[in-house]
């Protein structure tokens, strides 16, 4: 699946199929998150500091498909193999927003007590994209406080179910 996505993306969009972005992981340590590139930010500054990237509506159909199905996130399995992330945990965020959210939401920084994940409790409750940061931090901290292998299995199953539904994840 990774190879097919990479080849089709290369044919449709041209060179540069991998998008790299600095994110904050466990204990506030930065790492480079990998994704399939579905858009080209106007500048590195925009990629690091803008919540929604310009011209997202101009993505090709294939890039929209990658986003809708979350296949653009598959390369994060490499981050898991490297130990930067786990399968389940709080989603990692960019340093600019970690600093901003940590000042605005008192419990936000606490979510860095555990490795970040490809999916998490907040995501399976619909908190992704442009949703409440306060609610995400609350779900992330509840996940950490009540961690169990069974909870991880349930989150992974719910994520898989969301991915196969026609509406995507």
N, C-alpha and C. Protein backbone atom coordinates (compact mmCIF):
# COMPACT_ATOMS: atom_id res chain seq x y z
N UNK A 1 0.84 -1.20 0.00
CA UNK A 1 0.00 0.00 0.00
C UNK A 1 0.88 1.26 0.00
N UNK A 2 1.94 1.23 0.82
CA UNK A 2 2.85 2.38 0.86
C UNK A 2 3.48 2.64 -0.51
N UNK A 3 3.92 1.58 -1.15
CA UNK A 3 4.57 1.71 -2.45
C UNK A 3 3.59 2.22 -3.50
N UNK A 4 2.38 1.69 -3.52
CA UNK A 4 1.37 2.13 -4.49
C UNK A 4 1.06 3.62 -4.28
N UNK A 5 0.85 4.02 -3.04
CA UNK A 5 0.57 5.43 -2.75
C UNK A 5 1.72 6.31 -3.21
N UNK A 6 2.96 5.89 -2.94
CA UNK A 6 4.13 6.68 -3.31
C UNK A 6 4.25 6.81 -4.83
N UNK A 7 4.06 5.71 -5.54
CA UNK A 7 4.19 5.73 -7.01
C UNK A 7 3.10 6.59 -7.64
N UNK A 8 1.86 6.40 -7.21
CA UNK A 8 0.76 7.20 -7.78
C UNK A 8 0.96 8.68 -7.44
N UNK A 9 1.36 8.98 -6.24
CA UNK A 9 1.60 10.37 -5.85
C UNK A 9 2.71 10.98 -6.69
N UNK A 10 3.75 10.22 -6.94
CA UNK A 10 4.88 10.71 -7.77
C UNK A 10 4.41 11.00 -9.19
N UNK A 11 3.58 10.11 -9.75
CA UNK A 11 3.08 10.29 -11.12
C UNK A 11 2.13 11.48 -11.19
N UNK A 12 1.22 11.59 -10.22
CA UNK A 12 0.19 12.63 -10.24
C UNK A 12 0.75 14.00 -9.85
N UNK A 13 1.60 14.05 -8.83
CA UNK A 13 2.04 15.32 -8.27
C UNK A 13 3.49 15.69 -8.56
N UNK A 14 4.28 14.74 -9.06
CA UNK A 14 5.68 15.03 -9.35
C UNK A 14 6.59 14.68 -8.17
N UNK A 15 7.83 15.13 -8.23
CA UNK A 15 8.82 14.76 -7.21
C UNK A 15 8.44 15.27 -5.81
N UNK A 16 9.02 14.61 -4.84
CA UNK A 16 8.80 15.03 -3.46
C UNK A 16 7.55 14.43 -2.86
N UNK A 17 7.47 13.12 -2.73
CA UNK A 17 6.26 12.48 -2.23
C UNK A 17 6.18 12.46 -0.71
N UNK A 18 7.31 12.70 -0.03
CA UNK A 18 7.34 12.66 1.43
C UNK A 18 7.35 14.07 2.00
N UNK A 19 6.46 14.29 2.95
CA UNK A 19 6.37 15.56 3.67
C UNK A 19 6.96 15.34 5.05
N UNK A 20 7.92 16.17 5.43
CA UNK A 20 8.57 16.08 6.74
C UNK A 20 8.24 17.34 7.53
N UNK A 21 7.93 17.14 8.81
CA UNK A 21 7.59 18.29 9.63
C UNK A 21 8.01 18.02 11.07
N UNK A 22 8.57 19.02 11.71
CA UNK A 22 8.97 18.86 13.10
C UNK A 22 7.73 18.83 13.99
N UNK A 23 7.70 17.85 14.87
CA UNK A 23 6.62 17.71 15.84
C UNK A 23 7.24 17.48 17.21
N UNK A 24 6.42 17.63 18.22
CA UNK A 24 6.88 17.45 19.60
C UNK A 24 6.34 16.12 20.11
N UNK A 25 7.24 15.31 20.66
CA UNK A 25 6.88 13.99 21.17
C UNK A 25 6.96 13.91 22.68
N UNK A 26 7.22 12.71 23.16
CA UNK A 26 7.28 12.44 24.60
C UNK A 26 8.33 13.33 25.27
N UNK A 27 7.96 13.84 26.43
CA UNK A 27 8.84 14.71 27.23
C UNK A 27 9.26 15.97 26.49
N UNK A 28 8.46 16.38 25.50
CA UNK A 28 8.74 17.63 24.79
C UNK A 28 9.88 17.54 23.79
N UNK A 29 10.32 16.33 23.45
CA UNK A 29 11.42 16.17 22.50
C UNK A 29 10.91 16.29 21.07
N UNK A 30 11.60 17.09 20.25
CA UNK A 30 11.20 17.21 18.84
C UNK A 30 11.63 15.99 18.03
N UNK A 31 10.86 15.69 17.00
CA UNK A 31 11.21 14.65 16.04
C UNK A 31 10.61 15.04 14.69
N UNK A 32 11.06 14.37 13.65
CA UNK A 32 10.56 14.65 12.30
C UNK A 32 9.47 13.65 11.95
N UNK A 33 8.26 14.15 11.81
CA UNK A 33 7.11 13.34 11.44
C UNK A 33 7.08 13.20 9.92
N UNK A 34 6.75 12.01 9.45
CA UNK A 34 6.67 11.75 8.01
C UNK A 34 5.22 11.52 7.59
N UNK A 35 4.88 12.07 6.43
CA UNK A 35 3.55 11.85 5.83
C UNK A 35 3.74 11.87 4.32
N UNK A 36 2.76 11.36 3.60
CA UNK A 36 2.76 11.57 2.16
C UNK A 36 2.36 13.02 1.92
N UNK A 37 3.03 13.68 0.98
CA UNK A 37 2.76 15.08 0.70
C UNK A 37 1.48 15.20 -0.11
N UNK A 38 0.48 15.87 0.46
CA UNK A 38 -0.78 16.07 -0.24
C UNK A 38 -0.96 17.53 -0.67
N UNK A 39 -0.07 18.39 -0.21
CA UNK A 39 -0.10 19.81 -0.61
C UNK A 39 1.30 20.36 -0.44
N UNK A 40 1.53 21.50 -1.01
CA UNK A 40 2.83 22.18 -0.87
C UNK A 40 2.60 23.50 -0.14
N UNK A 41 3.07 23.61 1.11
CA UNK A 41 2.93 24.89 1.82
C UNK A 41 3.67 25.99 1.06
N UNK A 42 3.19 27.21 1.20
CA UNK A 42 3.81 28.34 0.51
C UNK A 42 5.24 28.56 0.99
N UNK A 43 5.50 28.25 2.25
CA UNK A 43 6.83 28.45 2.82
C UNK A 43 7.01 27.54 4.03
N UNK A 44 8.26 27.34 4.46
CA UNK A 44 8.49 26.57 5.69
C UNK A 44 7.82 27.23 6.91
N UNK A 45 7.80 28.56 6.91
CA UNK A 45 7.15 29.27 8.02
C UNK A 45 5.65 28.95 8.06
N UNK A 46 5.01 28.95 6.89
CA UNK A 46 3.59 28.61 6.84
C UNK A 46 3.35 27.19 7.35
N UNK A 47 4.19 26.26 6.93
CA UNK A 47 4.04 24.86 7.34
C UNK A 47 4.18 24.71 8.85
N UNK A 48 4.99 25.56 9.48
CA UNK A 48 5.25 25.45 10.91
C UNK A 48 4.25 26.21 11.77
N UNK A 49 3.62 27.25 11.22
CA UNK A 49 2.84 28.15 12.06
C UNK A 49 1.39 28.38 11.64
N UNK A 50 0.99 27.89 10.50
CA UNK A 50 -0.38 28.13 10.04
C UNK A 50 -1.23 26.89 10.28
N UNK A 51 -2.40 27.10 10.90
CA UNK A 51 -3.26 25.96 11.25
C UNK A 51 -3.75 25.22 10.04
N UNK A 52 -4.29 25.91 9.06
CA UNK A 52 -4.72 25.25 7.82
C UNK A 52 -3.87 25.81 6.70
N UNK A 53 -3.33 24.94 5.90
CA UNK A 53 -2.41 25.35 4.85
C UNK A 53 -3.17 25.91 3.66
N UNK A 54 -2.63 26.95 3.07
CA UNK A 54 -3.28 27.61 1.93
C UNK A 54 -3.49 26.65 0.76
N UNK A 55 -4.54 26.89 0.01
CA UNK A 55 -4.85 26.17 -1.23
C UNK A 55 -5.17 24.70 -1.03
N UNK A 56 -5.64 24.30 0.15
CA UNK A 56 -6.01 22.90 0.35
C UNK A 56 -7.14 22.50 -0.60
N UNK A 57 -8.00 23.44 -0.95
CA UNK A 57 -9.11 23.14 -1.86
C UNK A 57 -8.63 22.86 -3.27
N UNK A 58 -7.37 23.17 -3.57
CA UNK A 58 -6.83 22.96 -4.90
C UNK A 58 -6.06 21.64 -5.02
N UNK A 59 -6.17 20.76 -4.01
CA UNK A 59 -5.48 19.47 -4.06
C UNK A 59 -6.07 18.60 -5.17
N UNK A 60 -5.22 17.77 -5.75
CA UNK A 60 -5.70 16.82 -6.75
C UNK A 60 -6.66 15.83 -6.10
N UNK A 61 -7.43 15.15 -6.92
CA UNK A 61 -8.37 14.15 -6.39
C UNK A 61 -7.65 13.05 -5.61
N UNK A 62 -6.47 12.65 -6.10
CA UNK A 62 -5.73 11.61 -5.41
C UNK A 62 -5.28 12.09 -4.03
N UNK A 63 -4.81 13.32 -3.95
CA UNK A 63 -4.39 13.87 -2.65
C UNK A 63 -5.59 14.00 -1.71
N UNK A 64 -6.73 14.41 -2.24
CA UNK A 64 -7.94 14.47 -1.42
C UNK A 64 -8.32 13.07 -0.93
N UNK A 65 -8.16 12.07 -1.79
CA UNK A 65 -8.42 10.68 -1.41
C UNK A 65 -7.46 10.24 -0.29
N UNK A 66 -6.18 10.56 -0.42
CA UNK A 66 -5.21 10.21 0.63
C UNK A 66 -5.60 10.84 1.96
N UNK A 67 -6.02 12.09 1.93
CA UNK A 67 -6.42 12.79 3.15
C UNK A 67 -7.69 12.18 3.75
N UNK A 68 -8.70 11.99 2.89
CA UNK A 68 -10.00 11.49 3.34
C UNK A 68 -9.88 10.10 3.98
N UNK A 69 -9.00 9.27 3.43
CA UNK A 69 -8.83 7.91 3.94
C UNK A 69 -7.72 7.80 4.97
N UNK A 70 -7.04 8.90 5.24
CA UNK A 70 -5.90 8.95 6.16
C UNK A 70 -4.71 8.13 5.68
N UNK A 71 -4.68 7.75 4.41
CA UNK A 71 -3.53 7.03 3.87
C UNK A 71 -2.28 7.90 3.85
N UNK A 72 -2.47 9.23 3.86
CA UNK A 72 -1.31 10.13 3.91
C UNK A 72 -0.52 9.96 5.22
N UNK A 73 -1.15 9.37 6.23
CA UNK A 73 -0.51 9.18 7.53
C UNK A 73 0.28 7.87 7.63
N UNK A 74 0.16 7.00 6.64
CA UNK A 74 0.79 5.68 6.72
C UNK A 74 2.30 5.72 6.95
N UNK A 75 2.97 6.72 6.43
CA UNK A 75 4.43 6.81 6.62
C UNK A 75 4.80 6.98 8.10
N UNK A 76 3.84 7.34 8.93
CA UNK A 76 4.14 7.47 10.35
C UNK A 76 4.45 6.11 10.99
N UNK A 77 4.16 5.03 10.27
CA UNK A 77 4.59 3.72 10.76
C UNK A 77 6.12 3.68 10.88
N UNK A 78 6.81 4.43 10.01
CA UNK A 78 8.26 4.53 10.12
C UNK A 78 8.63 5.25 11.42
N UNK A 79 7.87 6.29 11.78
CA UNK A 79 8.11 6.98 13.05
C UNK A 79 7.91 6.03 14.23
N UNK A 80 6.94 5.11 14.11
CA UNK A 80 6.71 4.12 15.16
C UNK A 80 7.91 3.17 15.24
N UNK A 81 8.37 2.69 14.09
CA UNK A 81 9.52 1.77 14.07
C UNK A 81 10.77 2.43 14.65
N UNK A 82 10.94 3.71 14.41
CA UNK A 82 12.10 4.44 14.93
C UNK A 82 11.99 4.75 16.42
N UNK A 83 10.78 4.62 16.98
CA UNK A 83 10.59 4.91 18.39
C UNK A 83 10.18 6.35 18.67
N UNK A 84 9.93 7.13 17.62
CA UNK A 84 9.47 8.51 17.79
C UNK A 84 8.02 8.57 18.25
N UNK A 85 7.24 7.56 17.84
CA UNK A 85 5.81 7.53 18.11
C UNK A 85 5.41 6.10 18.46
N UNK A 86 4.17 5.97 18.93
CA UNK A 86 3.58 4.64 19.11
C UNK A 86 2.33 4.59 18.23
N UNK A 87 1.69 3.44 18.17
CA UNK A 87 0.46 3.35 17.38
C UNK A 87 -0.65 4.17 18.00
N UNK A 88 -0.76 4.13 19.33
CA UNK A 88 -1.82 4.85 20.04
C UNK A 88 -1.18 5.81 21.04
N UNK A 89 -1.73 7.01 21.08
CA UNK A 89 -1.27 8.03 22.02
C UNK A 89 -1.76 9.38 21.56
N UNK A 90 -1.45 10.42 22.30
CA UNK A 90 -1.85 11.76 21.86
C UNK A 90 -1.19 12.10 20.52
N UNK A 91 -1.92 12.74 19.63
CA UNK A 91 -1.35 13.13 18.34
C UNK A 91 -0.29 14.19 18.55
N UNK A 92 0.84 14.09 17.83
CA UNK A 92 1.90 15.08 17.99
C UNK A 92 1.53 16.39 17.29
N UNK A 93 2.03 17.48 17.82
CA UNK A 93 1.74 18.79 17.23
C UNK A 93 3.06 19.51 16.95
N UNK A 94 2.97 20.55 16.14
CA UNK A 94 4.14 21.36 15.78
C UNK A 94 4.58 22.21 16.97
N UNK A 95 5.88 22.51 17.09
CA UNK A 95 6.39 23.28 18.23
C UNK A 95 5.68 24.61 18.45
N UNK A 96 5.40 25.34 17.39
CA UNK A 96 4.71 26.63 17.49
C UNK A 96 3.39 26.48 18.24
N UNK A 97 2.61 25.46 17.87
CA UNK A 97 1.30 25.26 18.49
C UNK A 97 1.41 24.66 19.89
N UNK A 98 2.42 23.82 20.13
CA UNK A 98 2.61 23.28 21.48
C UNK A 98 2.85 24.43 22.45
N UNK A 99 3.69 25.38 22.06
CA UNK A 99 3.97 26.54 22.91
C UNK A 99 2.70 27.36 23.13
N UNK A 100 1.97 27.61 22.06
CA UNK A 100 0.74 28.40 22.14
C UNK A 100 -0.32 27.70 22.99
N UNK A 101 -0.57 26.42 22.73
CA UNK A 101 -1.61 25.69 23.45
C UNK A 101 -1.23 25.47 24.92
N UNK A 102 0.06 25.30 25.20
CA UNK A 102 0.51 25.08 26.58
C UNK A 102 0.25 26.32 27.44
N UNK A 103 0.31 27.50 26.84
CA UNK A 103 0.02 28.73 27.57
C UNK A 103 -1.48 28.94 27.74
N UNK A 104 -2.25 28.55 26.75
CA UNK A 104 -3.69 28.79 26.75
C UNK A 104 -4.47 27.74 27.55
N UNK A 105 -4.04 26.49 27.46
CA UNK A 105 -4.76 25.38 28.11
C UNK A 105 -3.85 24.74 29.16
N UNK A 106 -4.18 24.91 30.44
CA UNK A 106 -3.29 24.48 31.52
C UNK A 106 -2.85 23.01 31.47
N UNK A 107 -3.67 22.11 31.00
CA UNK A 107 -3.34 20.68 31.00
C UNK A 107 -2.73 20.21 29.69
N UNK A 108 -2.54 21.10 28.73
CA UNK A 108 -2.07 20.68 27.42
C UNK A 108 -0.68 20.04 27.49
N UNK A 109 0.24 20.64 28.21
CA UNK A 109 1.62 20.13 28.27
C UNK A 109 1.70 18.75 28.91
N UNK A 110 0.73 18.41 29.75
CA UNK A 110 0.74 17.11 30.43
C UNK A 110 0.61 15.94 29.45
N UNK A 111 0.08 16.20 28.28
CA UNK A 111 -0.12 15.13 27.30
C UNK A 111 1.20 14.63 26.70
N UNK A 112 2.31 15.27 27.05
CA UNK A 112 3.61 14.84 26.57
C UNK A 112 4.29 13.88 27.54
N UNK A 113 3.52 13.33 28.48
CA UNK A 113 4.05 12.34 29.43
C UNK A 113 4.22 10.99 28.79
N UNK A 114 3.71 10.81 27.61
CA UNK A 114 3.68 9.51 26.94
C UNK A 114 4.05 9.72 25.48
N UNK A 115 4.56 8.68 24.82
CA UNK A 115 4.83 8.84 23.38
C UNK A 115 3.56 9.22 22.61
N UNK A 116 3.75 10.02 21.59
CA UNK A 116 2.63 10.41 20.74
C UNK A 116 2.24 9.22 19.88
N UNK A 117 1.05 9.29 19.28
CA UNK A 117 0.57 8.16 18.50
C UNK A 117 -0.01 8.53 17.16
N UNK A 118 -0.17 7.52 16.32
CA UNK A 118 -0.81 7.71 15.02
C UNK A 118 -2.30 7.96 15.21
N UNK A 119 -2.89 7.30 16.19
CA UNK A 119 -4.29 7.52 16.53
C UNK A 119 -4.38 7.62 18.05
N UNK A 120 -5.52 8.08 18.52
CA UNK A 120 -5.68 8.22 19.96
C UNK A 120 -7.14 8.31 20.37
N UNK A 121 -7.34 8.40 21.67
CA UNK A 121 -8.69 8.47 22.22
C UNK A 121 -9.44 9.70 21.69
N UNK A 122 -8.77 10.82 21.61
CA UNK A 122 -9.41 12.04 21.11
C UNK A 122 -9.85 11.85 19.65
N UNK A 123 -9.01 11.21 18.84
CA UNK A 123 -9.33 11.04 17.42
C UNK A 123 -10.53 10.13 17.22
N UNK A 124 -10.63 9.04 18.00
CA UNK A 124 -11.77 8.15 17.81
C UNK A 124 -13.06 8.75 18.36
N UNK A 125 -12.94 9.87 19.08
CA UNK A 125 -14.12 10.60 19.52
C UNK A 125 -14.39 11.82 18.63
N UNK A 126 -13.77 11.82 17.44
CA UNK A 126 -14.05 12.86 16.45
C UNK A 126 -13.27 14.14 16.63
N UNK A 127 -12.29 14.16 17.51
CA UNK A 127 -11.53 15.38 17.78
C UNK A 127 -10.24 15.38 16.96
N UNK A 128 -10.36 15.78 15.71
CA UNK A 128 -9.21 15.93 14.84
C UNK A 128 -9.49 17.08 13.90
N UNK A 129 -8.45 17.61 13.30
CA UNK A 129 -8.63 18.77 12.43
C UNK A 129 -8.94 20.00 13.25
N UNK A 130 -9.91 20.77 12.82
CA UNK A 130 -10.24 22.03 13.47
C UNK A 130 -11.30 21.80 14.56
N UNK A 131 -10.89 21.14 15.64
CA UNK A 131 -11.79 20.87 16.77
C UNK A 131 -11.17 21.42 18.05
N UNK A 132 -11.89 21.36 19.13
CA UNK A 132 -11.48 21.94 20.40
C UNK A 132 -10.16 21.37 20.93
N UNK A 133 -9.19 22.23 21.12
CA UNK A 133 -7.89 21.82 21.68
C UNK A 133 -8.07 21.44 23.14
N UNK A 134 -8.92 22.17 23.85
CA UNK A 134 -9.17 21.86 25.26
C UNK A 134 -9.76 20.45 25.41
N UNK A 135 -10.71 20.09 24.54
CA UNK A 135 -11.30 18.75 24.58
C UNK A 135 -10.26 17.69 24.22
N UNK A 136 -9.43 17.98 23.22
CA UNK A 136 -8.39 17.02 22.84
C UNK A 136 -7.45 16.75 24.01
N UNK A 137 -7.01 17.83 24.68
CA UNK A 137 -6.10 17.68 25.82
C UNK A 137 -6.77 16.88 26.93
N UNK A 138 -8.05 17.12 27.15
CA UNK A 138 -8.79 16.39 28.18
C UNK A 138 -8.84 14.89 27.86
N UNK A 139 -9.17 14.56 26.61
CA UNK A 139 -9.21 13.15 26.19
C UNK A 139 -7.81 12.52 26.25
N UNK A 140 -6.80 13.26 25.78
CA UNK A 140 -5.43 12.73 25.79
C UNK A 140 -4.96 12.43 27.20
N UNK A 141 -5.23 13.34 28.13
CA UNK A 141 -4.81 13.12 29.51
C UNK A 141 -5.62 12.01 30.18
N UNK A 142 -6.89 11.88 29.84
CA UNK A 142 -7.69 10.78 30.37
C UNK A 142 -7.15 9.45 29.85
N UNK A 143 -6.74 9.43 28.58
CA UNK A 143 -6.15 8.22 28.01
C UNK A 143 -4.88 7.83 28.79
N UNK A 144 -4.02 8.80 29.03
CA UNK A 144 -2.76 8.53 29.74
C UNK A 144 -3.04 8.07 31.17
N UNK A 145 -3.94 8.77 31.85
CA UNK A 145 -4.24 8.43 33.26
C UNK A 145 -4.85 7.05 33.41
N UNK A 146 -5.54 6.58 32.38
CA UNK A 146 -6.24 5.30 32.45
C UNK A 146 -5.69 4.28 31.45
N UNK A 147 -4.41 4.41 31.10
CA UNK A 147 -3.85 3.57 30.06
C UNK A 147 -4.00 2.09 30.38
N UNK A 148 -4.33 1.32 29.32
CA UNK A 148 -4.33 -0.13 29.42
C UNK A 148 -4.16 -0.69 28.01
N UNK A 149 -3.64 -1.88 27.93
CA UNK A 149 -3.49 -2.54 26.64
C UNK A 149 -4.86 -2.73 25.99
N UNK A 150 -5.85 -3.07 26.78
CA UNK A 150 -7.22 -3.26 26.26
C UNK A 150 -7.74 -1.97 25.63
N UNK A 151 -7.49 -0.85 26.29
CA UNK A 151 -7.92 0.45 25.74
C UNK A 151 -7.23 0.70 24.39
N UNK A 152 -5.94 0.39 24.29
CA UNK A 152 -5.24 0.56 23.02
C UNK A 152 -5.86 -0.31 21.93
N UNK A 153 -6.17 -1.54 22.26
CA UNK A 153 -6.79 -2.44 21.29
C UNK A 153 -8.13 -1.88 20.83
N UNK A 154 -8.93 -1.39 21.76
CA UNK A 154 -10.24 -0.80 21.41
C UNK A 154 -10.07 0.42 20.51
N UNK A 155 -9.10 1.27 20.81
CA UNK A 155 -8.86 2.47 20.00
C UNK A 155 -8.41 2.07 18.59
N UNK A 156 -7.53 1.08 18.49
CA UNK A 156 -7.09 0.62 17.17
C UNK A 156 -8.25 0.02 16.37
N UNK A 157 -9.12 -0.73 17.03
CA UNK A 157 -10.29 -1.30 16.34
C UNK A 157 -11.25 -0.20 15.89
N UNK A 158 -11.47 0.79 16.74
CA UNK A 158 -12.35 1.91 16.35
C UNK A 158 -11.75 2.71 15.21
N UNK A 159 -10.42 2.87 15.21
CA UNK A 159 -9.75 3.58 14.12
C UNK A 159 -9.92 2.81 12.82
N UNK A 160 -9.70 1.50 12.87
CA UNK A 160 -9.85 0.67 11.67
C UNK A 160 -11.28 0.73 11.15
N UNK A 161 -12.25 0.69 12.04
CA UNK A 161 -13.66 0.76 11.63
C UNK A 161 -13.95 2.11 10.97
N UNK A 162 -13.40 3.18 11.50
CA UNK A 162 -13.62 4.51 10.92
C UNK A 162 -13.00 4.61 9.53
N UNK A 163 -11.88 3.95 9.33
CA UNK A 163 -11.20 4.02 8.04
C UNK A 163 -11.94 3.30 6.93
N UNK A 164 -12.70 2.25 7.28
CA UNK A 164 -13.41 1.51 6.24
C UNK A 164 -14.83 2.03 5.99
N UNK A 165 -15.30 2.93 6.84
CA UNK A 165 -16.61 3.54 6.59
C UNK A 165 -16.50 4.48 5.39
N UNK A 166 -17.56 4.62 4.62
CA UNK A 166 -17.54 5.48 3.43
C UNK A 166 -17.16 6.92 3.71
N UNK A 167 -17.43 7.41 4.92
CA UNK A 167 -17.13 8.80 5.24
C UNK A 167 -15.67 9.00 5.58
N UNK A 168 -14.89 7.94 5.70
CA UNK A 168 -13.47 8.07 6.06
C UNK A 168 -13.32 8.19 7.55
N UNK A 169 -12.14 8.68 7.96
CA UNK A 169 -11.85 8.76 9.40
C UNK A 169 -12.21 10.10 9.99
